[in-house]
Amino acid sequence: MKGQKGRSETKRMDHADDVDYFAVYSPDTQKVHLLPITHVKNTENCLRLIPTGNNQERHVRWAADYEL
């Protein structure tokens, strides 16, 4: 969306009442992952393919757990 003076605006959409799952395709792995809407809280969510640099496991969403 364009705002005043050519500035971009981001509009957050709430899909909780319309969608049960999001299907996400990864061109890197050529696999599809199915995420429940309850696991998608914001646009910064991601699925991990490889371990974190500091080996953190807490709050990590492993892509393999959502693979179809």
N, C-alpha and C. Protein backbone atom coordinates (compact mmCIF):
# COMPACT_ATOMS: atom_id res chain seq x y z
N MET A 1 0.84 -1.18 0.00
CA MET A 1 0.00 0.00 0.00
C MET A 1 0.88 1.24 0.00
N LYS A 2 0.45 2.23 -0.67
CA LYS A 2 1.19 3.49 -0.70
C LYS A 2 0.53 4.50 0.22
N GLY A 3 1.33 5.12 1.05
CA GLY A 3 0.84 6.16 1.94
C GLY A 3 1.14 7.52 1.35
N GLN A 4 1.21 8.51 2.19
CA GLN A 4 1.50 9.86 1.73
C GLN A 4 2.95 9.96 1.27
N LYS A 5 3.19 10.75 0.27
CA LYS A 5 4.53 11.06 -0.24
C LYS A 5 5.30 9.80 -0.61
N GLY A 6 4.62 8.78 -1.14
CA GLY A 6 5.29 7.58 -1.62
C GLY A 6 5.78 6.63 -0.55
N ARG A 7 5.39 6.86 0.70
CA ARG A 7 5.83 5.98 1.78
C ARG A 7 5.00 4.70 1.76
N SER A 8 5.64 3.61 2.03
CA SER A 8 4.94 2.32 2.08
C SER A 8 4.34 2.11 3.46
N GLU A 9 3.21 1.47 3.48
CA GLU A 9 2.55 1.11 4.74
C GLU A 9 2.35 -0.39 4.74
N THR A 10 2.41 -0.96 5.92
CA THR A 10 2.14 -2.38 6.06
C THR A 10 0.84 -2.54 6.82
N LYS A 11 -0.03 -3.34 6.28
CA LYS A 11 -1.30 -3.60 6.94
C LYS A 11 -1.28 -5.03 7.43
N ARG A 12 -1.42 -5.20 8.72
CA ARG A 12 -1.44 -6.53 9.32
C ARG A 12 -2.84 -7.11 9.15
N MET A 13 -2.89 -8.34 8.67
CA MET A 13 -4.18 -9.00 8.48
C MET A 13 -4.30 -10.15 9.48
N ASP A 14 -5.45 -10.29 10.07
CA ASP A 14 -5.71 -11.37 11.00
C ASP A 14 -6.50 -12.44 10.26
N HIS A 15 -5.88 -13.61 10.10
CA HIS A 15 -6.50 -14.70 9.36
C HIS A 15 -7.11 -15.77 10.28
N ALA A 16 -7.05 -15.56 11.57
CA ALA A 16 -7.44 -16.60 12.53
C ALA A 16 -8.86 -17.11 12.31
N ASP A 17 -9.77 -16.27 11.87
CA ASP A 17 -11.15 -16.71 11.66
C ASP A 17 -11.40 -17.28 10.28
N ASP A 18 -10.45 -17.13 9.37
CA ASP A 18 -10.63 -17.55 7.99
C ASP A 18 -9.78 -18.75 7.57
N VAL A 19 -8.68 -18.96 8.26
CA VAL A 19 -7.70 -19.95 7.83
C VAL A 19 -7.38 -20.90 8.97
N ASP A 20 -7.25 -22.18 8.67
CA ASP A 20 -6.84 -23.16 9.68
C ASP A 20 -5.35 -23.47 9.58
N TYR A 21 -4.83 -23.48 8.33
CA TYR A 21 -3.43 -23.80 8.09
C TYR A 21 -2.86 -22.94 6.97
N PHE A 22 -1.54 -22.74 7.01
CA PHE A 22 -0.81 -22.16 5.90
C PHE A 22 0.10 -23.24 5.34
N ALA A 23 0.11 -23.41 4.02
CA ALA A 23 1.05 -24.30 3.37
C ALA A 23 2.19 -23.44 2.86
N VAL A 24 3.41 -23.82 3.20
CA VAL A 24 4.59 -23.04 2.84
C VAL A 24 5.54 -23.92 2.04
N TYR A 25 5.91 -23.46 0.86
CA TYR A 25 6.85 -24.19 0.02
C TYR A 25 8.25 -23.61 0.18
N SER A 26 9.24 -24.47 0.36
CA SER A 26 10.63 -24.04 0.44
C SER A 26 11.35 -24.44 -0.84
N PRO A 27 11.76 -23.48 -1.65
CA PRO A 27 12.49 -23.83 -2.87
C PRO A 27 13.87 -24.42 -2.55
N ASP A 28 14.42 -24.11 -1.37
CA ASP A 28 15.73 -24.65 -0.99
C ASP A 28 15.67 -26.16 -0.78
N THR A 29 14.59 -26.64 -0.16
CA THR A 29 14.46 -28.07 0.12
C THR A 29 13.50 -28.77 -0.83
N GLN A 30 12.74 -27.98 -1.57
CA GLN A 30 11.70 -28.48 -2.48
C GLN A 30 10.66 -29.30 -1.72
N LYS A 31 10.33 -28.82 -0.53
CA LYS A 31 9.33 -29.49 0.31
C LYS A 31 8.26 -28.50 0.72
N VAL A 32 7.09 -29.03 1.07
CA VAL A 32 5.97 -28.22 1.55
C VAL A 32 5.79 -28.50 3.03
N HIS A 33 5.53 -27.43 3.78
CA HIS A 33 5.31 -27.53 5.21
C HIS A 33 3.92 -26.97 5.52
N LEU A 34 3.22 -27.62 6.42
CA LEU A 34 1.87 -27.22 6.79
C LEU A 34 1.89 -26.70 8.21
N LEU A 35 1.58 -25.40 8.37
CA LEU A 35 1.61 -24.77 9.68
C LEU A 35 0.21 -24.41 10.13
N PRO A 36 -0.18 -24.84 11.33
CA PRO A 36 -1.47 -24.42 11.88
C PRO A 36 -1.46 -22.91 12.11
N ILE A 37 -2.57 -22.27 11.91
CA ILE A 37 -2.65 -20.81 12.10
C ILE A 37 -2.24 -20.42 13.51
N THR A 38 -2.47 -21.31 14.47
CA THR A 38 -2.11 -21.02 15.86
C THR A 38 -0.60 -20.95 16.06
N HIS A 39 0.19 -21.46 15.10
CA HIS A 39 1.64 -21.41 15.19
C HIS A 39 2.24 -20.25 14.41
N VAL A 40 1.38 -19.45 13.77
CA VAL A 40 1.83 -18.31 12.98
C VAL A 40 1.36 -17.05 13.69
N LYS A 41 2.25 -16.46 14.49
CA LYS A 41 1.86 -15.30 15.29
C LYS A 41 2.22 -13.99 14.63
N ASN A 42 3.28 -13.96 13.84
CA ASN A 42 3.67 -12.72 13.18
C ASN A 42 4.52 -13.04 11.96
N THR A 43 4.92 -12.03 11.25
CA THR A 43 5.67 -12.24 10.01
C THR A 43 7.12 -12.63 10.27
N GLU A 44 7.55 -12.62 11.52
CA GLU A 44 8.93 -12.97 11.83
C GLU A 44 9.08 -14.45 12.17
N ASN A 45 8.01 -15.20 12.11
CA ASN A 45 8.11 -16.63 12.34
C ASN A 45 8.92 -17.27 11.23
N CYS A 46 9.65 -18.30 11.59
CA CYS A 46 10.38 -19.03 10.57
C CYS A 46 10.52 -20.48 10.98
N LEU A 47 10.80 -21.31 10.01
CA LEU A 47 11.07 -22.71 10.25
C LEU A 47 12.57 -22.93 10.09
N ARG A 48 13.16 -23.62 11.04
CA ARG A 48 14.59 -23.89 11.00
C ARG A 48 14.88 -25.13 10.19
N LEU A 49 15.88 -25.05 9.34
CA LEU A 49 16.35 -26.20 8.58
C LEU A 49 17.61 -26.79 9.20
N ILE A 50 18.42 -25.92 9.81
CA ILE A 50 19.68 -26.35 10.42
C ILE A 50 19.73 -25.80 11.84
N PRO A 51 20.55 -26.40 12.71
CA PRO A 51 20.65 -25.91 14.09
C PRO A 51 21.12 -24.46 14.17
N THR A 52 20.75 -23.79 15.24
CA THR A 52 21.19 -22.42 15.47
C THR A 52 22.68 -22.40 15.77
N GLY A 53 23.30 -21.26 15.61
CA GLY A 53 24.73 -21.12 15.86
C GLY A 53 25.12 -21.37 17.31
N ASN A 54 24.20 -21.07 18.23
CA ASN A 54 24.49 -21.26 19.65
C ASN A 54 23.80 -22.51 20.22
N ASN A 55 23.29 -23.36 19.34
CA ASN A 55 22.61 -24.61 19.71
C ASN A 55 21.35 -24.40 20.55
N GLN A 56 20.74 -23.23 20.45
CA GLN A 56 19.50 -22.97 21.17
C GLN A 56 18.39 -23.84 20.60
N GLU A 57 17.60 -24.44 21.47
CA GLU A 57 16.48 -25.28 21.05
C GLU A 57 15.13 -24.68 21.43
N ARG A 58 15.12 -23.83 22.43
CA ARG A 58 13.87 -23.27 22.93
C ARG A 58 13.22 -22.37 21.89
N HIS A 59 11.94 -22.56 21.67
CA HIS A 59 11.13 -21.77 20.73
C HIS A 59 11.54 -21.95 19.27
N VAL A 60 12.33 -22.97 18.97
CA VAL A 60 12.72 -23.24 17.59
C VAL A 60 11.63 -24.10 16.95
N ARG A 61 11.19 -23.71 15.79
CA ARG A 61 10.22 -24.50 15.02
C ARG A 61 10.98 -25.20 13.90
N TRP A 62 11.15 -26.51 14.07
CA TRP A 62 11.90 -27.29 13.09
C TRP A 62 11.02 -27.58 11.88
N ALA A 63 11.54 -27.31 10.72
CA ALA A 63 10.79 -27.52 9.47
C ALA A 63 10.33 -28.97 9.36
N ALA A 64 11.15 -29.90 9.77
CA ALA A 64 10.81 -31.32 9.66
C ALA A 64 9.53 -31.68 10.43
N ASP A 65 9.23 -30.93 11.48
CA ASP A 65 8.02 -31.19 12.28
C ASP A 65 6.73 -30.81 11.54
N TYR A 66 6.86 -30.00 10.51
CA TYR A 66 5.69 -29.50 9.76
C TYR A 66 5.65 -30.01 8.32
N GLU A 67 6.59 -30.88 7.99
CA GLU A 67 6.70 -31.35 6.61
C GLU A 67 5.54 -32.25 6.21
N LEU A 68 5.05 -32.07 4.97
CA LEU A 68 4.01 -32.94 4.44
C LEU A 68 4.62 -34.19 3.84
